């Protein structure tokens, strides 16, 4: 299965709710362990838990969707990804 489908499925499961935008914000806050307002590779990998994704795949995913090239996903980048895959 393609990495984006695996991450999409894992995030959709974590964010399943009727108020998706609020859930995305709550998800970011709960995953953002250092309080930076962004999600880095280690934080996303920890959030995805038993998904079977390794650090390299998660880093590739972040690199693909990290539009400001800071090595992390901010709220807008996370929402843009979820909108692009039809999750929002």
Protein backbone atom coordinates (compact mmCIF):
# COMPACT_ATOMS: atom_id res chain seq x y z
CA UNK A 1 0.00 0.00 0.00
CA UNK A 2 1.33 3.45 -0.88
CA UNK A 3 2.64 5.45 2.11
CA UNK A 4 0.10 8.24 1.68
CA UNK A 5 -2.80 5.80 1.77
CA UNK A 6 -1.40 4.24 4.94
CA UNK A 7 -0.93 7.61 6.63
CA UNK A 8 -4.31 8.83 5.34
CA UNK A 9 -6.01 5.75 6.77
CA UNK A 10 -4.22 6.08 10.11
CA UNK A 11 -4.99 9.80 10.42
CA UNK A 12 -8.61 9.31 9.35
CA UNK A 13 -9.04 6.70 12.07
CA UNK A 14 -7.50 9.01 14.67
CA UNK A 15 -9.60 11.97 13.52
CA UNK A 16 -12.95 10.29 12.94
CA UNK A 17 -15.49 12.86 14.12
CA UNK A 18 -18.27 15.03 12.74
CA UNK A 19 -16.36 18.26 13.46
CA UNK A 20 -13.20 17.47 11.51
CA UNK A 21 -11.55 20.94 11.56
CA UNK A 22 -11.72 21.05 15.36
CA UNK A 23 -10.50 17.46 15.51
CA UNK A 24 -7.48 18.34 13.36
CA UNK A 25 -6.57 21.19 15.72
CA UNK A 26 -7.04 18.93 18.75
CA UNK A 27 -4.99 16.21 17.06
CA UNK A 28 -2.13 18.63 16.36
CA UNK A 29 -2.18 19.86 19.95
CA UNK A 30 -2.20 16.33 21.36
CA UNK A 31 0.61 15.12 19.08
CA UNK A 32 2.74 18.26 19.44
CA UNK A 33 4.62 17.13 22.55
CA UNK A 34 7.14 20.00 22.52
CA UNK A 35 4.47 22.70 22.18
CA UNK A 36 5.98 24.13 18.99
CA UNK A 37 2.66 24.30 17.14
CA UNK A 38 3.98 21.82 14.58
CA UNK A 39 4.37 18.06 14.23
CA UNK A 40 7.80 16.59 13.52
CA UNK A 41 8.68 13.09 12.36
CA UNK A 42 9.07 11.61 15.84
CA UNK A 43 5.81 13.13 17.07
CA UNK A 44 3.82 11.87 14.07
CA UNK A 45 5.44 8.45 14.27
CA UNK A 46 4.49 8.19 17.96
CA UNK A 47 0.91 9.27 17.17
CA UNK A 48 0.56 6.67 14.44
CA UNK A 49 1.64 4.03 16.94
CA UNK A 50 1.11 0.51 15.67
CA UNK A 51 0.53 1.55 12.06
CA UNK A 52 3.67 -0.26 10.91
CA UNK A 53 5.13 2.88 9.34
CA UNK A 54 8.83 3.45 9.88
CA UNK A 55 10.60 6.75 10.52
CA UNK A 56 11.91 7.02 6.95
CA UNK A 57 8.40 6.76 5.45
CA UNK A 58 6.96 9.27 7.90
CA UNK A 59 9.83 11.68 7.13
CA UNK A 60 9.16 11.30 3.39
CA UNK A 61 5.49 12.08 4.02
CA UNK A 62 6.35 15.18 6.04
CA UNK A 63 8.84 16.35 3.41
CA UNK A 64 6.16 16.01 0.72
CA UNK A 65 3.59 18.09 2.60
CA UNK A 66 5.92 20.54 4.37
CA UNK A 67 5.28 23.58 2.18
CA UNK A 68 7.41 26.02 4.22
CA UNK A 69 10.32 23.52 4.31
CA UNK A 70 10.92 23.67 8.06
CA UNK A 71 10.91 19.88 8.45
CA UNK A 72 7.58 19.83 10.29
CA UNK A 73 3.86 20.03 9.57
CA UNK A 74 1.93 23.03 10.83
CA UNK A 75 -1.86 23.19 11.13
CA UNK A 76 -2.36 24.57 7.61
CA UNK A 77 -0.12 21.92 6.04
CA UNK A 78 -1.92 19.15 7.94
CA UNK A 79 -5.34 20.50 6.92
CA UNK A 80 -4.19 20.91 3.30
CA UNK A 81 -3.11 17.25 3.21
CA UNK A 82 -6.38 16.05 4.74
CA UNK A 83 -8.38 18.19 2.30
CA UNK A 84 -6.39 16.85 -0.67
CA UNK A 85 -7.21 13.26 0.25
CA UNK A 86 -10.89 14.01 0.91
CA UNK A 87 -10.67 13.66 4.68
CA UNK A 88 -11.87 17.21 5.34
